[in-house]
Amino acid sequence: MTSALLHPFSKPSSNNYHTLVRSEGVRVWDDKGNEYIDGLGSLWYCQVGHNRPELIQAITSQLQTLSSYHTFAPMGSNISDAAAERIRSISPFADGRVFLCNSGSESVDSAIKLIRKTAILRGEPERQIILRRGRGYHGVNVGGTTLQGIPANREGWGDLLPSVLEIDPTNIESAASIFKEHGNKIAGVITEAVQGAGGVFPPPDGFLEGLRKLCDDNGALLVFDEVITGFGRTGNWFAADTYNITPDLITFAKGVTSGYQPMGGVLISREICDLLEADPQFVFMHGYTYSGHPAACAAAIANIDLIESEELVQRANHVGVRISQGLEALRDDGLLSEVRGVGAIWAGQVTAATTEQGIQIRDKMTEMGVICRAINGALAFCPPLIIEDSDTDLLIDTAAKAINEIMSV
């Protein structure tokens, strides 16, 4: 009999799962006592490592004061105000605002509504088209599913949102041609600064700059999906800073709390805030029951403070150099055909591996005590930023052993 829990991104008929029961630092343990190095930061999010008392105490203390309350008008809380200010303080939008929600998927769908609301407030309701990027991942709500550039994630759900077009993931001329045809109808473009779930692809040189110019020239918004890259992962607080491009909106989640509490959100530039604030009678008719949840806000503040005090933003580059050097050594040995990444998010394309062989390598690595992610024959790594060099080396050594074992069959 299958379990009561229907797992996400799973075969409903399967009951083959590793049941985790404990975590500490960069390691997790299952119910059989097996120990694993968490080479993916759970699911691209655990910047500070597992079971940090600083976060647990902050959450517990908050639950003992204001345990929960909504932030719909006319209510608010001191902790939600403080969390928004703390997030803004490290963002590219020093005078912007922060909308809070509970996941990356909610962040993206909130950004979609803000894109289209901005066009309406500008007196351009005919601007409805949103451009997605091939290979992109933007969550699983209806809007984000429509924006998926990964066909397997987008297809099979029936009709999705209208007025969404796709640009090539690497060729800026693809975007330019669509702008040439539809420029006055395009409301915005959404892209991951670094494509994560699509296989860890940093942007080609000049690509993000090209998108920024196309948006500026055609009156469209540029949205960076930083659900994975935000909060230190690329060696800056946000990848917008890493690539020195300022978008109009930034979606975030994952690393904002290192996963200790669910939280997502949208960073909103001052220009868009001015539109939202211009009419005192305008009501922003959007939000979630748990937007600004006190426990999540406490987790976010403590997490950002910890990242800052332990200089984990800077450490991301050290971690990344260690991973990339290890992966490059595997490429020199012929085990990998390509190495991709930035900061502390990397992937190695296994030479001649099929998608199924990539999964087999992942499973073999798990059996050997290392967790990573397999994507189209590539192995992806995004460990907690506290990982020690010896554990990073173990990730690479285990990958080499697993690749040799599976690909030699």
Protein backbone atom coordinates (compact mmCIF):
# COMPACT_ATOMS: atom_id res chain seq x y z
CA MET A 1 0.00 0.00 0.00
CA THR A 2 1.30 3.47 -0.86
CA SER A 3 1.78 6.07 1.86
CA ALA A 4 -0.80 8.72 2.69
CA LEU A 5 1.58 11.41 1.42
CA LEU A 6 1.52 12.18 -2.30
CA HIS A 7 5.08 13.32 -2.91
CA PRO A 8 5.79 16.25 -5.25
CA PHE A 9 7.43 15.48 -8.60
CA SER A 10 6.99 11.77 -8.03
CA LYS A 11 5.38 8.66 -9.45
CA PRO A 12 2.16 8.27 -7.42
CA SER A 13 2.46 4.49 -7.73
CA SER A 14 5.91 4.47 -6.09
CA ASN A 15 6.64 3.94 -2.42
CA ASN A 16 10.43 4.03 -2.73
CA TYR A 17 11.68 6.95 -0.63
CA HIS A 18 14.50 7.71 1.79
CA THR A 19 12.80 8.66 5.04
CA LEU A 20 14.89 11.35 6.71
CA VAL A 21 14.69 11.78 10.48
CA ARG A 22 17.58 14.06 11.50
CA SER A 23 19.87 16.78 10.19
CA GLU A 24 22.97 18.60 11.42
CA GLY A 25 25.30 20.95 9.58
CA VAL A 26 25.75 19.58 6.06
CA ARG A 27 24.49 16.09 6.90
CA VAL A 28 21.15 14.30 7.13
CA TRP A 29 20.24 10.83 8.41
CA ASP A 30 17.49 8.43 7.45
CA ASP A 31 15.38 6.08 9.54
CA LYS A 32 17.82 3.23 8.89
CA GLY A 33 20.74 5.17 10.33
CA ASN A 34 22.36 5.98 6.99
CA GLU A 35 24.27 9.27 6.84
CA TYR A 36 24.36 11.56 3.82
CA ILE A 37 26.22 14.72 2.86
CA ASP A 38 23.64 17.21 1.62
CA GLY A 39 25.22 18.27 -1.65
CA LEU A 40 22.12 20.16 -2.79
CA GLY A 41 21.24 22.20 0.30
CA SER A 42 18.00 20.18 0.45
CA LEU A 43 16.42 21.72 -2.66
CA TRP A 44 18.77 24.62 -3.48
CA TYR A 45 17.98 26.51 -0.27
CA CYS A 46 19.88 25.64 2.92
CA GLN A 47 22.55 28.36 2.97
CA VAL A 48 23.47 28.18 6.66
CA GLY A 49 23.29 24.42 7.16
CA HIS A 50 20.87 22.31 9.13
CA ASN A 51 19.79 22.50 12.77
CA ARG A 52 21.32 25.89 13.53
CA PRO A 53 20.33 26.89 17.09
CA GLU A 54 20.33 30.60 16.15
CA LEU A 55 17.39 30.09 13.79
CA ILE A 56 15.59 27.58 15.96
CA GLN A 57 15.75 29.92 18.95
CA ALA A 58 14.56 32.90 16.91
CA ILE A 59 11.57 30.95 15.62
CA THR A 60 10.75 29.52 19.04
CA SER A 61 10.98 32.91 20.72
CA GLN A 62 8.67 34.43 18.12
CA LEU A 63 6.12 31.65 18.55
CA GLN A 64 6.09 32.41 22.27
CA THR A 65 5.18 36.07 21.66
CA LEU A 66 3.11 36.65 18.50
CA SER A 67 2.65 33.12 17.19
CA SER A 68 0.69 34.04 14.07
CA TYR A 69 -1.41 36.78 12.56
CA HIS A 70 -2.26 38.06 9.09
CA THR A 71 -1.04 41.28 7.50
CA PHE A 72 -4.17 42.22 5.51
CA ALA A 73 -5.25 45.84 6.09
CA PRO A 74 -5.58 47.19 8.69
CA MET A 75 -3.38 44.68 10.53
CA GLY A 76 0.38 44.23 10.60
CA SER A 77 3.13 43.19 12.98
CA ASN A 78 6.46 44.47 14.21
CA ILE A 79 8.22 41.32 13.03
CA SER A 80 6.84 41.46 9.47
CA ASP A 81 7.88 45.12 9.22
CA ALA A 82 11.34 44.22 10.52
CA ALA A 83 11.75 41.30 8.12
CA ALA A 84 10.78 43.41 5.11
CA GLU A 85 13.25 46.11 6.15
CA ARG A 86 16.03 43.55 6.70
CA ILE A 87 15.44 41.99 3.29
CA ARG A 88 15.30 45.39 1.61
CA SER A 89 18.54 46.44 3.30
CA ILE A 90 20.56 43.81 1.41
CA SER A 91 18.66 44.09 -1.87
CA PRO A 92 19.41 46.12 -5.02
CA PHE A 93 16.33 48.26 -4.22
CA ALA A 94 17.36 50.44 -1.29
CA ASP A 95 14.17 52.51 -1.60
CA GLY A 96 11.88 49.77 -2.89
CA ARG A 97 9.37 47.62 -1.05
CA VAL A 98 8.96 43.94 -0.21
CA PHE A 99 5.91 41.78 -0.77
CA LEU A 100 5.94 38.60 1.32
CA CYS A 101 4.41 35.22 0.58
CA ASN A 102 5.26 31.59 1.29
CA SER A 103 7.11 30.00 -1.64
CA GLY A 104 8.91 30.63 -4.88
CA SER A 105 5.83 29.56 -6.82
CA GLU A 106 3.73 32.17 -5.03
CA SER A 107 6.48 34.73 -5.62
CA VAL A 108 6.38 34.15 -9.37
CA ASP A 109 2.61 34.30 -9.64
CA SER A 110 2.68 37.51 -7.58
CA ALA A 111 5.24 38.95 -10.00
CA ILE A 112 3.01 38.03 -12.95
CA LYS A 113 0.16 40.02 -11.43
CA LEU A 114 2.49 42.94 -10.69
CA ILE A 115 3.75 42.92 -14.29
CA ARG A 116 0.25 43.19 -15.67
CA LYS A 117 -0.97 45.60 -12.98
CA THR A 118 1.93 47.90 -13.80
CA ALA A 119 0.85 48.05 -17.44
CA ILE A 120 -2.72 48.84 -16.40
CA LEU A 121 -1.62 51.58 -13.99
CA ARG A 122 0.50 53.08 -16.76
CA GLY A 123 -2.61 53.30 -18.94
CA GLU A 124 -1.48 50.48 -21.21
CA PRO A 125 -3.91 47.62 -20.53
CA GLU A 126 -3.19 46.20 -23.98
CA ARG A 127 0.25 45.14 -22.70
CA GLN A 128 -0.48 41.55 -21.66
CA ILE A 129 2.32 39.49 -23.21
CA ILE A 130 4.96 38.04 -20.90
CA LEU A 131 8.10 36.46 -22.34
CA ARG A 132 9.47 33.32 -20.76
CA ARG A 133 12.89 31.85 -21.50
CA GLY A 134 13.51 28.37 -22.82
CA ARG A 135 14.86 25.99 -20.16
CA GLY A 136 13.56 28.25 -17.39
CA TYR A 137 11.87 27.11 -14.19
CA HIS A 138 9.40 29.38 -12.42
CA GLY A 139 7.48 27.24 -9.95
CA VAL A 140 4.34 25.17 -10.26
CA ASN A 141 1.34 27.44 -9.72
CA VAL A 142 -0.72 28.09 -12.84
CA GLY A 143 1.16 31.26 -13.76
CA GLY A 144 4.58 29.81 -13.10
CA THR A 145 3.69 26.61 -14.92
CA THR A 146 2.80 28.71 -17.96
CA LEU A 147 6.19 30.42 -17.71
CA GLN A 148 8.06 27.11 -17.56
CA GLY A 149 10.63 26.74 -20.31
CA ILE A 150 10.90 23.05 -19.44
CA PRO A 151 8.20 21.34 -21.54
CA ALA A 152 7.82 18.30 -19.28
CA ASN A 153 6.83 20.59 -16.40
CA ARG A 154 4.47 22.71 -18.48
CA GLU A 155 2.60 20.20 -20.60
CA GLY A 156 -0.29 17.92 -19.68
CA TRP A 157 -2.29 20.30 -17.48
CA GLY A 158 -4.74 21.64 -20.04
CA ASP A 159 -5.09 25.31 -20.88
CA LEU A 160 -2.76 27.65 -18.98
CA LEU A 161 -2.35 31.45 -19.08
CA PRO A 162 -2.73 33.19 -22.44
CA SER A 163 -0.32 35.77 -23.89
CA VAL A 164 2.94 34.05 -22.99
CA LEU A 165 5.70 33.66 -25.60
CA GLU A 166 9.06 31.89 -25.36
CA ILE A 167 12.51 33.23 -26.23
CA ASP A 168 15.62 31.19 -26.87
CA PRO A 169 17.66 30.64 -23.67
CA THR A 170 20.95 31.81 -25.19
CA ASN A 171 20.26 33.85 -28.34
CA ILE A 172 19.33 37.46 -27.57
CA GLU A 173 18.25 37.91 -31.20
CA SER A 174 15.34 35.58 -30.45
CA ALA A 175 14.08 38.07 -27.89
CA ALA A 176 14.81 41.00 -30.19
CA SER A 177 12.71 39.52 -32.98
CA ILE A 178 9.74 38.97 -30.66
CA PHE A 179 10.04 42.53 -29.35
CA LYS A 180 10.15 43.78 -32.93
CA GLU A 181 6.87 42.00 -33.69
CA HIS A 182 5.02 42.52 -30.39
CA GLY A 183 6.90 45.32 -28.59
CA ASN A 184 3.92 47.51 -27.71
CA LYS A 185 2.03 44.51 -26.36
CA ILE A 186 4.80 43.09 -24.17
CA ALA A 187 4.37 43.75 -20.45
CA GLY A 188 7.51 42.03 -19.23
CA VAL A 189 10.20 39.38 -19.43
CA ILE A 190 10.97 36.88 -16.68
CA THR A 191 14.24 35.00 -16.44
CA GLU A 192 16.31 33.22 -13.85
CA ALA A 193 19.60 35.03 -13.46
CA VAL A 194 21.16 31.55 -13.39
CA GLN A 195 18.95 28.78 -14.71
CA GLY A 196 18.82 26.16 -11.97
CA ALA A 197 16.36 23.32 -12.46
CA GLY A 198 17.00 23.46 -16.20
CA GLY A 199 20.55 22.25 -15.58
CA VAL A 200 22.57 25.10 -13.95
CA PHE A 201 23.23 27.48 -16.83
CA PRO A 202 24.76 30.90 -16.09
CA PRO A 203 23.70 33.53 -18.64
CA PRO A 204 25.76 33.92 -21.81
CA ASP A 205 27.91 37.05 -21.90
CA GLY A 206 25.76 40.06 -22.68
CA PHE A 207 22.46 38.19 -22.51
CA LEU A 208 21.03 39.82 -19.40
CA GLU A 209 22.31 43.21 -20.55
CA GLY A 210 20.53 42.61 -23.85
CA LEU A 211 17.26 41.80 -22.11
CA ARG A 212 17.56 44.92 -19.97
CA LYS A 213 18.05 47.09 -23.07
CA LEU A 214 15.16 45.48 -24.96
CA CYS A 215 12.86 46.05 -21.99
CA ASP A 216 14.00 49.66 -21.60
CA ASP A 217 13.60 50.39 -25.30
CA ASN A 218 10.11 48.89 -25.41
CA GLY A 219 8.59 49.93 -22.08
CA ALA A 220 8.54 46.41 -20.62
CA LEU A 221 9.53 45.18 -17.16
CA LEU A 222 12.46 42.87 -16.51
CA VAL A 223 11.93 40.31 -13.75
CA PHE A 224 14.74 38.25 -12.25
CA ASP A 225 13.65 34.99 -10.68
CA GLU A 226 16.18 34.69 -7.84
CA VAL A 227 14.41 31.97 -5.91
CA ILE A 228 17.60 29.89 -6.10
CA THR A 229 20.27 32.56 -6.53
CA GLY A 230 19.19 35.01 -3.84
CA PHE A 231 20.75 35.37 -0.39
CA GLY A 232 24.39 34.75 -1.15
CA ARG A 233 24.40 31.79 -3.49
CA THR A 234 26.29 33.53 -6.33
CA GLY A 235 28.83 35.38 -4.17
CA ASN A 236 26.63 38.46 -3.75
CA TRP A 237 23.38 38.86 -1.88
CA PHE A 238 21.58 38.72 -5.22
CA ALA A 239 22.66 37.63 -8.69
CA ALA A 240 21.47 41.02 -9.94
CA ASP A 241 24.56 42.36 -8.17
CA THR A 242 26.76 39.54 -9.46
CA TYR A 243 25.87 40.45 -13.05
CA ASN A 244 25.48 44.19 -12.38
CA ILE A 245 22.01 44.33 -13.93
CA THR A 246 19.10 46.02 -12.16
CA PRO A 247 15.72 44.43 -12.91
CA ASP A 248 12.33 45.92 -12.05
CA LEU A 249 11.18 43.03 -9.88
CA ILE A 250 13.05 40.22 -8.11
CA THR A 251 11.33 37.07 -6.90
CA PHE A 252 12.88 35.26 -3.95
CA ALA A 253 12.29 32.32 -1.59
CA LYS A 254 14.44 29.33 -0.55
CA GLY A 255 17.61 30.93 0.87
CA VAL A 256 15.73 33.76 2.61
CA THR A 257 15.14 31.45 5.59
CA SER A 258 17.46 28.60 4.59
CA GLY A 259 14.27 26.55 4.58
CA TYR A 260 13.67 26.77 8.32
CA GLN A 261 10.25 28.30 7.61
CA PRO A 262 8.37 28.68 4.31
CA MET A 263 8.79 32.17 2.86
CA GLY A 264 8.89 33.79 -0.54
CA GLY A 265 8.45 37.28 -1.82
CA VAL A 266 8.92 39.93 -4.46
CA LEU A 267 11.33 42.85 -4.27
CA ILE A 268 9.68 45.83 -5.97
CA SER A 269 11.67 48.71 -7.45
CA ARG A 270 10.87 52.30 -6.51
CA GLU A 271 9.48 53.10 -9.98
CA ILE A 272 6.80 50.44 -9.61
CA CYS A 273 6.18 51.41 -5.99
CA ASP A 274 5.50 54.97 -7.17
CA LEU A 275 2.78 53.64 -9.48
CA LEU A 276 1.22 51.56 -6.71
CA GLU A 277 1.29 54.50 -4.29
CA ALA A 278 0.18 57.27 -6.69
CA ASP A 279 -3.59 56.98 -6.16
CA PRO A 280 -4.55 57.02 -2.46
CA GLN A 281 -7.78 55.18 -3.35
CA PHE A 282 -6.02 52.31 -5.13
CA VAL A 283 -6.19 48.98 -3.28
CA PHE A 284 -3.63 46.25 -3.94
CA MET A 285 -6.00 43.28 -4.17
CA HIS A 286 -3.47 40.52 -3.75
CA GLY A 287 -1.95 38.60 -0.86
CA TYR A 288 -1.93 35.34 1.06
CA THR A 289 -3.23 34.28 4.45
CA TYR A 290 0.31 33.65 5.67
CA SER A 291 2.01 36.65 4.00
CA GLY A 292 4.41 37.99 6.61
CA HIS A 293 3.86 35.08 9.01
CA PRO A 294 5.65 35.95 12.26
CA ALA A 295 7.63 32.71 12.59
CA ALA A 296 8.81 32.92 8.98
CA CYS A 297 9.78 36.57 9.44
CA ALA A 298 11.80 35.73 12.55
CA ALA A 299 13.55 32.97 10.62
CA ALA A 300 14.39 35.33 7.75
CA ILE A 301 15.94 37.95 10.03
CA ALA A 302 17.99 35.40 11.97
CA ASN A 303 19.08 33.70 8.76
CA ILE A 304 20.23 36.92 7.09
CA ASP A 305 22.03 37.95 10.27
CA LEU A 306 23.80 34.59 10.36
CA ILE A 307 24.80 34.73 6.69
CA GLU A 308 26.20 38.20 7.32
CA SER A 309 28.02 37.45 10.58
CA GLU A 310 29.63 34.27 9.21
CA GLU A 311 30.48 35.98 5.90
CA LEU A 312 28.76 33.24 3.93
CA VAL A 313 28.15 35.50 0.94
CA GLN A 314 31.89 35.77 0.51
CA ARG A 315 32.35 32.09 1.34
CA ALA A 316 30.10 31.12 -1.57
CA ASN A 317 32.96 31.94 -3.91
CA HIS A 318 35.39 29.76 -1.95
CA VAL A 319 32.93 26.87 -1.97
CA GLY A 320 32.34 27.35 -5.67
CA VAL A 321 36.03 27.39 -6.54
CA ARG A 322 36.51 24.12 -4.68
CA ILE A 323 33.55 22.48 -6.44
CA SER A 324 34.48 23.79 -9.87
CA GLN A 325 38.10 22.71 -9.53
CA GLY A 326 36.95 19.23 -8.58
CA LEU A 327 34.53 19.05 -11.49
CA GLU A 328 37.20 20.35 -13.88
CA ALA A 329 39.47 17.53 -12.72
CA LEU A 330 36.73 15.06 -13.63
CA ARG A 331 36.45 16.72 -17.02
CA ASP A 332 40.20 16.37 -17.51
CA ASP A 333 39.75 12.66 -16.77
CA GLY A 334 37.03 12.43 -19.42
CA LEU A 335 34.19 11.76 -16.98
CA LEU A 336 32.51 15.11 -17.67
CA SER A 337 32.02 16.89 -20.97
CA GLU A 338 31.07 20.29 -19.53
CA VAL A 339 31.29 22.17 -16.22
CA ARG A 340 28.86 25.03 -15.54
CA GLY A 341 28.21 27.33 -12.63
CA VAL A 342 28.82 30.49 -10.65
CA GLY A 343 29.32 31.16 -6.95
CA ALA A 344 28.31 28.01 -5.09
CA ILE A 345 25.91 26.47 -7.64
CA TRP A 346 27.52 24.11 -10.15
CA ALA A 347 26.81 21.22 -12.49
CA GLY A 348 28.91 18.72 -14.39
CA GLN A 349 27.56 17.16 -17.58
CA VAL A 350 28.43 13.47 -17.51
CA THR A 351 30.08 12.46 -20.76
CA ALA A 352 27.59 10.70 -23.07
CA ALA A 353 25.13 10.11 -20.20
CA THR A 354 21.42 9.82 -20.89
CA THR A 355 18.85 11.28 -18.52
CA GLU A 356 18.25 7.80 -17.12
CA GLN A 357 21.96 7.18 -16.59
CA GLY A 358 22.19 10.50 -14.77
CA ILE A 359 19.47 9.32 -12.40
CA GLN A 360 21.30 6.03 -11.90
CA ILE A 361 24.48 7.94 -11.03
CA ARG A 362 22.52 10.10 -8.58
CA ASP A 363 21.07 7.00 -6.96
CA LYS A 364 24.48 5.37 -6.73
CA MET A 365 25.87 8.51 -5.09
CA THR A 366 23.00 8.47 -2.59
CA GLU A 367 23.82 4.84 -1.84
CA MET A 368 27.41 5.98 -1.22
CA GLY A 369 26.26 8.75 1.15
CA VAL A 370 26.13 11.88 -1.03
CA ILE A 371 22.99 13.69 -2.19
CA CYS A 372 23.02 15.62 -5.46
CA ARG A 373 20.52 16.30 -8.26
CA ALA A 374 20.48 14.70 -11.70
CA ILE A 375 19.27 16.88 -14.58
CA ASN A 376 19.39 15.64 -18.16
CA GLY A 377 22.57 13.68 -17.62
CA ALA A 378 24.21 16.36 -15.48
CA LEU A 379 24.97 16.27 -11.75
CA ALA A 380 24.07 19.47 -9.89
CA PHE A 381 25.58 20.68 -6.61
CA CYS A 382 24.35 23.50 -4.37
CA PRO A 383 25.55 22.65 -0.85
CA PRO A 384 25.14 24.66 2.33
CA LEU A 385 27.61 27.54 2.29
CA ILE A 386 29.18 26.25 5.51
CA ILE A 387 30.48 23.09 3.84
CA GLU A 388 34.11 22.27 4.66
CA ASP A 389 36.66 21.57 1.96
CA SER A 390 36.98 17.92 3.00
CA ASP A 391 33.26 17.39 2.47
CA THR A 392 33.34 19.23 -0.85
CA ASP A 393 36.14 16.91 -1.95
CA LEU A 394 34.04 13.94 -0.85
CA LEU A 395 31.19 15.15 -3.10
CA ILE A 396 33.55 15.12 -6.07
CA ASP A 397 35.23 11.82 -5.21
CA THR A 398 31.86 10.13 -4.79
CA ALA A 399 30.65 11.53 -8.10
CA ALA A 400 33.74 10.11 -9.82
CA LYS A 401 33.21 6.66 -8.31
CA ALA A 402 29.53 6.61 -9.20
CA ILE A 403 30.14 7.80 -12.77
CA ASN A 404 32.79 5.15 -13.31
CA GLU A 405 30.53 2.44 -11.93
CA ILE A 406 27.42 3.33 -13.92
CA MET A 407 29.01 4.42 -17.20
CA SER A 408 31.30 1.39 -17.38
CA VAL A 409 28.37 -1.04 -17.37
